[in-house]
Amino acid sequence: MAYNEVLLVKPVDGLGGEGDQVKVRAGYARNYLLPRSIAVPVTTANRKQVEALKKRRGEREAHELNGAQELAKKLEKTGLAFAVKTGEGGKMFGAITATDIHDKLVAAGIDVEKRRIHLHTPVKTIGKHTVKVKLHSDVTVELNFDVVSENPIVASEEKK
C-alpha cells in the first residue's frame, strides 16, 4: 500500500495536532485531508510553516486549558437537584441520564458539551450521586447532584 507524508494544519482526532508530520495512506490524504485543507503535502516550503503551526498549537492548547480550569471552578460550586416522580417505597419512574444533567447545566448557565459528561449507567435511585465531567485531557471534575422525590415517600406495606 502507498503512504504519503503530510503536515497537519488542523488537529485530527486519533491522528495528531496541528504542526504534526504524519504518515497516512495515500487515499486518505488525497480524498479527505488535502481537499478539506486539513493537511498539506510535506515539501521544503511547507516545512517552514511547522514552527508557526506549533506556536499556534501551543497558544490554542494553553487557552483551552485555562478555559477548562475556569469552567471546573464553576462546576465545583454548582449543585444540581432533580425532582422525580416516585411510586411505592420510593421507587423512581424513569432514570436520570447524561442528557438530563446536561440540560440542567445549560439551564444553570454552564455550557458543557454533552459528550464530556461521563455517566456510566443511568441513575435509578434516590439520593446523592456523582458524575465525572472531563473538560480537558488534564481537567476532570466530579459533579455532585441530588435526586429527590416530588411526592412524599410512602413505605410499602407488607402483606401478612
C-alpha atoms as a PDB file:
ATOM      1  CA  MET A   1       0.000   0.000   0.000  1.00  0.00           C
ATOM      2  CA  ALA A   2       1.142   3.531  -0.731  1.00  0.00           C
ATOM      3  CA  TYR A   3       1.689   6.043   2.022  1.00  0.00           C
ATOM      4  CA  ASN A   4       2.076   9.830   1.944  1.00  0.00           C
ATOM      5  CA  GLU A   5       3.632  12.133   4.479  1.00  0.00           C
ATOM      6  CA  VAL A   6       1.505  15.162   5.222  1.00  0.00           C
ATOM      7  CA  LEU A   7       1.714  18.113   7.553  1.00  0.00           C
ATOM      8  CA  LEU A   8      -1.452  18.636   9.596  1.00  0.00           C
ATOM      9  CA  VAL A   9      -2.814  22.180   9.546  1.00  0.00           C
ATOM     10  CA  LYS A  10      -5.725  21.393  11.908  1.00  0.00           C
ATOM     11  CA  PRO A  11      -5.969  18.815  14.711  1.00  0.00           C
ATOM     12  CA  VAL A  12      -7.441  15.425  13.745  1.00  0.00           C
ATOM     13  CA  ASP A  13      -8.718  13.008  16.399  1.00  0.00           C
ATOM     14  CA  GLY A  14      -6.655   9.857  16.501  1.00  0.00           C
ATOM     15  CA  LEU A  15      -4.047  11.227  14.110  1.00  0.00           C
ATOM     16  CA  GLY A  16      -2.359  14.288  15.616  1.00  0.00           C
ATOM     17  CA  GLY A  17      -2.425  18.001  16.293  1.00  0.00           C
ATOM     18  CA  GLU A  18      -1.598  20.929  14.092  1.00  0.00           C
ATOM     19  CA  GLY A  19       2.048  21.064  13.107  1.00  0.00           C
ATOM     20  CA  ASP A  20       2.497  17.278  13.282  1.00  0.00           C
ATOM     21  CA  GLN A  21       4.062  15.471  10.366  1.00  0.00           C
ATOM     22  CA  VAL A  22       2.260  12.152   9.930  1.00  0.00           C
ATOM     23  CA  LYS A  23       2.364   9.226   7.518  1.00  0.00           C
ATOM     24  CA  VAL A  24      -1.089   8.262   6.220  1.00  0.00           C
ATOM     25  CA  ARG A  25      -2.490   6.116   3.433  1.00  0.00           C
ATOM     26  CA  ALA A  26      -2.369   7.834   0.058  1.00  0.00           C
ATOM     27  CA  GLY A  27      -6.139   7.624  -0.480  1.00  0.00           C
ATOM     28  CA  TYR A  28      -6.917   9.143   2.935  1.00  0.00           C
ATOM     29  CA  ALA A  29      -4.599  12.051   2.213  1.00  0.00           C
ATOM     30  CA  ARG A  30      -5.779  12.520  -1.383  1.00  0.00           C
ATOM     31  CA  ASN A  31      -9.521  12.121  -0.771  1.00  0.00           C
ATOM     32  CA  TYR A  32     -10.063  13.534   2.724  1.00  0.00           C
ATOM     33  CA  LEU A  33      -7.213  15.517   4.280  1.00  0.00           C
ATOM     34  CA  LEU A  34      -5.997  17.546   1.309  1.00  0.00           C
ATOM     35  CA  PRO A  35      -9.391  18.599  -0.208  1.00  0.00           C
ATOM     36  CA  ARG A  36     -10.661  19.791   3.200  1.00  0.00           C
ATOM     37  CA  SER A  37      -7.444  21.785   3.846  1.00  0.00           C
ATOM     38  CA  ILE A  38      -6.784  19.775   6.994  1.00  0.00           C
ATOM     39  CA  ALA A  39      -3.296  18.880   5.794  1.00  0.00           C
ATOM     40  CA  VAL A  40      -0.710  19.893   3.204  1.00  0.00           C
ATOM     41  CA  PRO A  41       1.883  17.702   1.485  1.00  0.00           C
ATOM     42  CA  VAL A  42       5.335  17.743   3.064  1.00  0.00           C
ATOM     43  CA  THR A  43       7.652  19.883   0.951  1.00  0.00           C
ATOM     44  CA  THR A  44      10.630  22.043   1.836  1.00  0.00           C
ATOM     45  CA  ALA A  45       8.472  25.170   1.630  1.00  0.00           C
ATOM     46  CA  ASN A  46       5.796  23.669   3.872  1.00  0.00           C
ATOM     47  CA  ARG A  47       8.341  22.537   6.457  1.00  0.00           C
ATOM     48  CA  LYS A  48       8.958  26.229   7.190  1.00  0.00           C
ATOM     49  CA  GLN A  49       5.322  26.516   8.291  1.00  0.00           C
ATOM     50  CA  VAL A  50       5.886  23.918  11.007  1.00  0.00           C
ATOM     51  CA  GLU A  51       7.237  26.405  13.544  1.00  0.00           C
ATOM     52  CA  ALA A  52       4.304  28.782  13.048  1.00  0.00           C
ATOM     53  CA  LEU A  53       1.832  25.921  13.345  1.00  0.00           C
ATOM     54  CA  LYS A  54       3.459  24.582  16.523  1.00  0.00           C
ATOM     55  CA  LYS A  55       3.413  28.048  18.086  1.00  0.00           C
ATOM     56  CA  ARG A  56      -0.286  28.457  17.238  1.00  0.00           C
ATOM     57  CA  ARG A  57      -0.992  24.975  18.618  1.00  0.00           C
ATOM     58  CA  GLY A  58       0.731  25.810  21.909  1.00  0.00           C
ATOM     59  CA  GLU A  59      -1.289  29.012  22.275  1.00  0.00           C
ATOM     60  CA  ARG A  60      -4.557  27.216  21.480  1.00  0.00           C
ATOM     61  CA  GLU A  61      -3.866  24.396  23.955  1.00  0.00           C
ATOM     62  CA  ALA A  62      -2.956  26.900  26.703  1.00  0.00           C
ATOM     63  CA  HIS A  63      -6.171  28.835  26.027  1.00  0.00           C
ATOM     64  CA  GLU A  64      -8.254  25.619  26.131  1.00  0.00           C
ATOM     65  CA  LEU A  65      -6.611  24.556  29.409  1.00  0.00           C
ATOM     66  CA  ASN A  66      -7.321  27.935  31.040  1.00  0.00           C
ATOM     67  CA  GLY A  67     -10.937  27.825  29.869  1.00  0.00           C
ATOM     68  CA  ALA A  68     -11.338  24.274  31.210  1.00  0.00           C
ATOM     69  CA  GLN A  69      -9.893  25.243  34.606  1.00  0.00           C
ATOM     70  CA  GLU A  70     -12.264  28.215  34.911  1.00  0.00           C
ATOM     71  CA  LEU A  71     -15.217  26.014  33.964  1.00  0.00           C
ATOM     72  CA  ALA A  72     -14.074  23.428  36.527  1.00  0.00           C
ATOM     73  CA  LYS A  73     -14.211  26.068  39.271  1.00  0.00           C
ATOM     74  CA  LYS A  74     -17.793  26.930  38.251  1.00  0.00           C
ATOM     75  CA  LEU A  75     -18.816  23.271  38.196  1.00  0.00           C
ATOM     76  CA  GLU A  76     -17.371  22.612  41.664  1.00  0.00           C
ATOM     77  CA  LYS A  77     -19.596  25.348  43.085  1.00  0.00           C
ATOM     78  CA  THR A  78     -22.669  24.079  41.240  1.00  0.00           C
ATOM     79  CA  GLY A  79     -25.155  21.826  42.983  1.00  0.00           C
ATOM     80  CA  LEU A  80     -27.880  20.131  40.995  1.00  0.00           C
ATOM     81  CA  ALA A  81     -31.111  18.649  42.267  1.00  0.00           C
ATOM     82  CA  PHE A  82     -33.552  16.525  40.315  1.00  0.00           C
ATOM     83  CA  ALA A  83     -37.147  16.138  41.491  1.00  0.00           C
ATOM     84  CA  VAL A  84     -38.579  12.893  40.181  1.00  0.00           C
ATOM     85  CA  LYS A  85     -41.874  11.089  40.474  1.00  0.00           C
ATOM     86  CA  THR A  86     -41.788   8.056  42.705  1.00  0.00           C
ATOM     87  CA  GLY A  87     -44.085   5.164  43.447  1.00  0.00           C
ATOM     88  CA  GLU A  88     -44.444   2.885  46.435  1.00  0.00           C
ATOM     89  CA  GLY A  89     -41.354   2.588  48.590  1.00  0.00           C
ATOM     90  CA  GLY A  90     -39.598   5.482  46.836  1.00  0.00           C
ATOM     91  CA  LYS A  91     -39.050   3.593  43.564  1.00  0.00           C
ATOM     92  CA  MET A  92     -38.336   6.031  40.732  1.00  0.00           C
ATOM     93  CA  PHE A  93     -40.253   6.189  37.488  1.00  0.00           C
ATOM     94  CA  GLY A  94     -37.637   6.547  34.751  1.00  0.00           C
ATOM     95  CA  ALA A  95     -33.994   7.472  35.252  1.00  0.00           C
ATOM     96  CA  ILE A  96     -31.604  10.424  35.276  1.00  0.00           C
ATOM     97  CA  THR A  97     -29.317  10.336  32.219  1.00  0.00           C
ATOM     98  CA  ALA A  98     -26.386  12.389  30.956  1.00  0.00           C
ATOM     99  CA  THR A  99     -28.856  14.330  28.790  1.00  0.00           C
ATOM    100  CA  ASP A 100     -30.833  15.357  31.881  1.00  0.00           C
ATOM    101  CA  ILE A 101     -27.655  16.505  33.626  1.00  0.00           C
ATOM    102  CA  HIS A 102     -26.597  18.423  30.501  1.00  0.00           C
ATOM    103  CA  ASP A 103     -29.997  20.158  30.307  1.00  0.00           C
ATOM    104  CA  LYS A 104     -29.784  21.213  33.988  1.00  0.00           C
ATOM    105  CA  LEU A 105     -26.262  22.595  33.487  1.00  0.00           C
ATOM    106  CA  VAL A 106     -27.349  24.590  30.429  1.00  0.00           C
ATOM    107  CA  ALA A 107     -30.328  25.945  32.399  1.00  0.00           C
ATOM    108  CA  ALA A 108     -27.887  26.973  35.143  1.00  0.00           C
ATOM    109  CA  GLY A 109     -25.845  28.914  32.570  1.00  0.00           C
ATOM    110  CA  ILE A 110     -22.934  26.483  32.306  1.00  0.00           C
ATOM    111  CA  ASP A 111     -22.188  25.418  28.740  1.00  0.00           C
ATOM    112  CA  VAL A 112     -20.660  21.927  28.683  1.00  0.00           C
ATOM    113  CA  GLU A 113     -20.742  19.524  25.761  1.00  0.00           C
ATOM    114  CA  LYS A 114     -22.946  16.519  26.482  1.00  0.00           C
ATOM    115  CA  ARG A 115     -20.273  14.040  25.408  1.00  0.00           C
ATOM    116  CA  ARG A 116     -17.987  15.315  28.189  1.00  0.00           C
ATOM    117  CA  ILE A 117     -20.387  14.072  30.880  1.00  0.00           C
ATOM    118  CA  HIS A 118     -19.377  10.510  31.771  1.00  0.00           C
ATOM    119  CA  LEU A 119     -22.332   8.791  33.437  1.00  0.00           C
ATOM    120  CA  HIS A 120     -21.738   5.061  33.051  1.00  0.00           C
ATOM    121  CA  THR A 121     -25.280   3.941  33.858  1.00  0.00           C
ATOM    122  CA  PRO A 122     -28.482   5.974  34.254  1.00  0.00           C
ATOM    123  CA  VAL A 123     -29.301   6.853  37.868  1.00  0.00           C
ATOM    124  CA  LYS A 124     -32.352   4.945  39.076  1.00  0.00           C
ATOM    125  CA  THR A 125     -32.202   5.569  42.823  1.00  0.00           C
ATOM    126  CA  ILE A 126     -32.977   8.491  45.089  1.00  0.00           C
ATOM    127  CA  GLY A 127     -30.086  10.079  46.979  1.00  0.00           C
ATOM    128  CA  LYS A 128     -26.718  11.745  46.386  1.00  0.00           C
ATOM    129  CA  HIS A 129     -24.773  10.816  43.280  1.00  0.00           C
ATOM    130  CA  THR A 130     -21.617  11.945  41.483  1.00  0.00           C
ATOM    131  CA  VAL A 131     -20.748  12.117  37.811  1.00  0.00           C
ATOM    132  CA  LYS A 132     -17.397  12.790  36.155  1.00  0.00           C
ATOM    133  CA  VAL A 133     -17.144  15.666  33.695  1.00  0.00           C
ATOM    134  CA  LYS A 134     -13.984  15.562  31.589  1.00  0.00           C
ATOM    135  CA  LEU A 135     -13.402  19.131  30.414  1.00  0.00           C
ATOM    136  CA  HIS A 136      -9.847  18.683  29.119  1.00  0.00           C
ATOM    137  CA  SER A 137      -7.308  15.879  28.985  1.00  0.00           C
ATOM    138  CA  ASP A 138      -5.818  17.292  32.212  1.00  0.00           C
ATOM    139  CA  VAL A 139      -9.009  18.612  33.869  1.00  0.00           C
ATOM    140  CA  THR A 140     -11.690  16.279  35.242  1.00  0.00           C
ATOM    141  CA  VAL A 141     -14.355  17.385  37.726  1.00  0.00           C
ATOM    142  CA  GLU A 142     -16.663  15.293  39.886  1.00  0.00           C
ATOM    143  CA  LEU A 143     -20.090  16.915  39.878  1.00  0.00           C
ATOM    144  CA  ASN A 144     -22.407  16.098  42.790  1.00  0.00           C
ATOM    145  CA  PHE A 145     -26.162  16.020  42.340  1.00  0.00           C
ATOM    146  CA  ASP A 146     -29.180  15.004  44.384  1.00  0.00           C
ATOM    147  CA  VAL A 147     -32.187  13.016  43.257  1.00  0.00           C
ATOM    148  CA  VAL A 148     -35.241  13.743  45.423  1.00  0.00           C
ATOM    149  CA  SER A 149     -38.869  12.702  45.310  1.00  0.00           C
ATOM    150  CA  GLU A 150     -41.591  15.130  44.187  1.00  0.00           C
ATOM    151  CA  ASN A 151     -44.169  13.460  46.362  1.00  0.00           C
ATOM    152  CA  PRO A 152     -43.805  12.073  49.902  1.00  0.00           C
ATOM    153  CA  ILE A 153     -42.444   8.568  50.048  1.00  0.00           C
ATOM    154  CA  VAL A 154     -44.946   6.064  51.401  1.00  0.00           C
ATOM    155  CA  ALA A 155     -43.436   2.873  52.744  1.00  0.00           C
ATOM    156  CA  SER A 156     -44.808  -0.222  51.061  1.00  0.00           C
ATOM    157  CA  GLU A 157     -46.823  -2.294  53.489  1.00  0.00           C
ATOM    158  CA  GLU A 158     -46.023  -5.966  53.665  1.00  0.00           C
ATOM    159  CA  LYS A 159     -48.894  -8.415  53.298  1.00  0.00           C
ATOM    160  CA  LYS A 160     -49.405 -10.914  56.135  1.00  0.00           C
END
